[in-house]
Protein backbone atom coordinates (compact mmCIF):
# COMPACT_ATOMS: atom_id res chain seq x y z
CA MET A 1 162.89 136.67 262.89
CA ASN A 2 162.51 136.56 266.64
CA ILE A 3 164.53 139.29 268.35
CA HIS A 4 165.42 138.52 271.93
CA TYR A 5 165.82 141.56 274.12
CA GLY A 6 166.20 141.75 277.85
CA ILE A 7 164.16 144.11 279.97
CA VAL A 8 166.82 145.50 282.26
CA CYS A 9 164.62 145.49 285.33
CA ASN A 10 161.21 146.30 286.66
CA ILE A 11 161.65 149.98 287.38
CA LEU A 12 159.25 149.91 290.29
CA SER A 13 161.20 147.14 292.01
CA ILE A 14 164.22 149.44 292.27
CA VAL A 15 162.21 152.37 293.52
CA LEU A 16 160.38 150.25 296.06
CA VAL A 17 163.70 149.46 297.68
CA VAL A 18 164.24 153.19 298.08
CA VAL A 19 160.70 154.26 298.91
CA PRO A 20 158.22 151.54 299.95
CA PHE A 21 154.57 152.46 299.52
CA SER A 22 151.45 151.14 301.15
CA PRO A 23 149.01 149.01 299.12
CA LEU A 24 146.24 151.14 300.66
CA HIS A 25 147.67 154.17 298.94
CA ALA A 26 147.64 152.38 295.60
CA GLN A 27 143.88 152.02 295.91
CA GLU A 28 143.42 155.79 296.02
CA THR A 29 142.97 156.88 292.43
CA GLU A 30 144.05 160.46 293.08
CA LEU A 31 147.53 159.24 293.97
CA ASP A 32 147.99 158.51 290.28
CA LEU A 33 147.83 162.26 289.64
CA ILE A 34 151.42 163.52 289.53
CA GLN A 35 152.28 167.02 288.32
CA GLY A 36 148.80 167.27 286.83
CA TYR A 37 149.02 164.06 284.78
CA ARG A 38 147.64 160.56 285.29
CA SER A 39 149.05 157.37 283.83
CA ARG A 40 146.42 157.34 281.08
CA ASP A 41 147.44 160.87 280.07
CA ILE A 42 151.01 159.66 279.66
CA LEU A 43 149.81 156.61 277.75
CA VAL A 44 148.00 158.60 275.07
CA GLY A 45 150.87 161.09 274.89
CA LEU A 46 153.19 158.53 273.29
CA PRO A 47 152.97 158.42 269.47
CA ASP A 48 151.39 155.58 267.49
CA THR A 49 154.42 155.36 265.22
CA SER A 50 158.04 156.49 265.25
CA GLY A 51 160.33 155.54 262.38
CA PRO A 52 160.01 151.76 261.84
CA PHE A 53 158.21 151.29 265.18
CA THR A 54 154.40 150.97 265.47
CA VAL A 55 152.35 150.53 268.63
CA ILE A 56 151.42 146.93 269.46
CA SER A 57 149.85 147.53 272.87
CA ARG A 58 149.21 150.23 275.46
CA ASN A 59 148.63 149.55 279.12
CA ALA A 60 147.92 151.96 281.98
CA ASP A 61 148.10 150.73 285.59
CA PRO A 62 146.87 153.61 287.80
CA GLN A 63 147.27 151.58 290.99
CA ASN A 64 150.99 151.37 290.30
CA PHE A 65 151.18 154.82 288.67
CA SER A 66 152.56 153.34 285.46
CA ALA A 67 152.06 153.38 281.71
CA THR A 68 153.66 150.96 279.26
CA VAL A 69 153.63 150.98 275.47
CA GLU A 70 155.03 148.17 273.34
CA TYR A 71 156.15 148.82 269.77
CA GLY A 72 157.03 146.48 266.92
CA GLY A 73 158.26 146.62 263.36
CA VAL A 74 160.26 144.68 260.81
CA ASP A 75 163.10 143.17 262.86
CA ALA A 76 162.35 145.72 265.57
CA ARG A 77 160.83 145.76 269.05
CA ALA A 78 160.62 148.36 271.82
CA ILE A 79 159.14 148.89 275.23
CA VAL A 80 158.58 152.34 276.73
CA SER A 81 157.54 152.54 280.38
CA VAL A 82 156.79 155.60 282.48
CA ASN A 83 156.40 155.11 286.22
CA GLY A 84 155.52 157.38 289.10
CA VAL A 85 156.17 156.55 292.73
CA ARG A 86 154.36 157.56 295.90
CA ALA A 87 156.02 157.60 299.29
CA SER A 88 154.06 155.88 302.06
CA ASN A 89 155.08 158.20 304.87
CA VAL A 90 154.14 161.56 303.35
CA ALA A 91 151.09 162.95 301.61
CA GLY A 92 152.69 163.46 298.26
CA MET A 93 154.86 161.94 295.63
CA TYR A 94 158.41 160.71 295.82
CA ALA A 95 160.50 163.50 294.34
CA VAL A 96 161.85 162.41 290.97
CA LYS A 97 164.43 164.75 289.48
CA ASP A 98 163.82 165.72 285.87
CA GLY A 99 166.65 164.72 283.58
CA PRO A 100 169.44 162.16 284.02
CA ASP A 101 170.68 163.10 287.50
CA ASP A 102 168.19 161.23 289.67
CA PRO A 103 169.94 158.39 291.59
CA VAL A 104 167.37 155.83 290.40
CA VAL A 105 168.01 156.85 286.78
CA ARG A 106 171.72 156.33 287.32
CA SER A 107 171.04 152.96 288.94
CA LEU A 108 168.88 151.86 286.01
CA LEU A 109 171.61 152.71 283.53
CA ASP A 110 174.28 151.03 285.65
CA GLN A 111 172.16 147.87 285.61
CA ALA A 112 171.63 148.18 281.86
CA PHE A 113 175.36 148.52 281.32
CA GLN A 114 176.09 145.51 283.52
CA TYR A 115 173.34 143.43 281.90
CA HIS A 116 174.53 144.00 278.34
CA SER A 117 178.21 143.73 279.28
CA ASN A 118 177.50 140.25 280.64
CA GLN A 119 175.75 139.02 277.49
CA PRO A 120 177.79 136.82 275.12
CA ASN A 121 179.39 138.72 272.23
CA GLN A 122 178.03 142.10 273.36
CA VAL A 123 180.01 145.25 274.09
CA ALA A 124 178.12 147.91 276.03
CA GLN A 125 178.85 151.62 275.82
CA ARG A 126 177.49 154.65 277.63
CA THR A 127 176.10 157.39 275.44
CA ASN A 128 173.62 160.27 275.36
CA VAL A 129 170.57 160.98 273.21
CA SER A 130 169.27 164.52 272.81
CA TYR A 131 165.61 165.52 272.80
CA GLY A 132 164.59 169.11 272.38
CA ASN A 133 167.24 171.15 274.15
CA ARG A 134 167.97 168.38 276.67
CA ALA A 135 169.80 165.07 276.74
CA MET A 136 169.23 161.76 278.45
CA ALA A 137 171.77 159.15 279.40
CA CYS A 138 171.68 155.81 277.59
CA VAL A 139 173.50 152.52 277.19
CA SER A 140 174.02 151.06 273.72
CA SER A 141 175.08 147.53 272.88
CA ASP A 142 175.60 145.45 269.78
CA ASP A 143 175.70 141.72 269.11
CA PRO A 144 177.71 141.51 265.84
CA GLN A 145 177.03 137.78 265.44
CA LYS A 146 173.23 138.10 265.57
CA LYS A 147 173.35 141.68 264.24
CA ASP A 148 171.11 142.89 267.05
CA ASP A 149 171.51 146.52 268.09
CA PHE A 150 170.24 147.58 271.55
CA LEU A 151 169.60 150.89 273.27
CA VAL A 152 168.45 151.60 276.83
CA CYS A 153 167.68 155.17 277.89
CA ALA A 154 166.34 156.50 281.18
CA THR A 155 165.38 159.93 282.41
CA GLY A 156 163.16 161.70 284.90
CA VAL A 157 160.23 163.50 283.32
CA LEU A 158 156.93 164.90 284.68
CA GLY A 159 157.80 163.58 288.14
CA ARG A 160 158.16 160.04 286.80
CA TYR A 161 160.82 157.66 285.59
CA MET A 162 160.88 156.98 281.87
CA LEU A 163 162.65 153.87 280.56
CA ILE A 164 163.04 153.40 276.78
CA GLN A 165 164.28 150.08 275.38
CA PRO A 166 164.33 149.63 271.59
CA VAL A 167 166.18 146.87 269.74
CA MET A 168 166.60 146.33 266.00
CA ASN A 169 168.33 143.80 263.81
CA TYR A 170 170.54 145.22 261.07
CA ARG A 171 170.90 142.17 258.81
CA LEU A 172 168.90 144.03 256.11
CA SER A 173 170.47 147.43 256.76
CA SER A 174 173.65 148.75 258.37
CA LYS A 175 174.56 149.24 261.99
CA GLU A 176 175.04 152.98 261.43
CA VAL A 177 171.51 153.38 260.03
CA VAL A 178 170.00 151.31 262.86
CA ASP A 179 171.99 153.24 265.49
CA ARG A 180 170.37 156.42 264.18
CA GLN A 181 166.90 154.87 264.11
CA LEU A 182 167.22 153.70 267.72
CA ALA A 183 168.41 157.12 268.86
CA ASP A 184 165.64 158.85 266.90
CA PHE A 185 163.04 156.56 268.48
CA ALA A 186 164.31 157.27 272.01
CA SER A 187 164.41 160.99 271.29
CA SER A 188 160.85 161.01 269.94
CA MET A 189 159.53 159.17 273.01
CA ALA A 190 161.19 161.56 275.48
CA SER A 191 160.13 164.58 273.42
CA ALA A 192 156.50 163.43 273.30
CA ILE A 193 156.28 163.18 277.09
CA SER A 194 158.24 166.39 277.70
CA GLU A 195 155.94 168.29 275.37
CA LEU A 196 152.94 167.37 277.51
CA ALA A 197 154.28 169.79 280.09
CA LEU A 198 154.58 172.67 277.65
CA PRO A 199 151.88 175.35 277.78
CA PRO A 200 149.53 175.35 274.79
CA ALA A 201 150.62 177.53 271.91
CA SER A 202 148.84 180.87 271.71
CA ASN A 203 146.84 181.54 268.55
């Protein structure tokens, strides 16, 4: 079955409105280093599998400070993107707040809510998903006719924006089970990136 899911927006396009950056800066590889991590570090930090989701592709784009991983499964798809942003007028990165309180994070979720609210037969709701001892804001939506269940979560982490977008069809299961699987997937993605910042365990 072909699941249709909408990518809410290109996260960089929103940020570029707020903080334009120079193409010359994008050519400097060291600008991809944010809080000690490069895009490729983020890329390998995301798990190969999580619940019914398995990696289909991984792509790092250091010039745009981004990493994207696509997942698939039986009646399931997901895209996880992590993007850093550099300001053009200062020697440093655009300050991204960790957690859900960054204005770009709020804007992403507002757009997700509007997008899903405008889709036929869908009802969007705002919710939260916990990871570790933290929580990130999300938007959930359901198409009861097609039995497609959507989740969009966004948060600031490691000086970057993380956008998580899984969708599953529940024709072979139940909506309650799929709701949990979507939330678990989002939680595992955010936890994996957050744990990169933790100091190594002492032996």
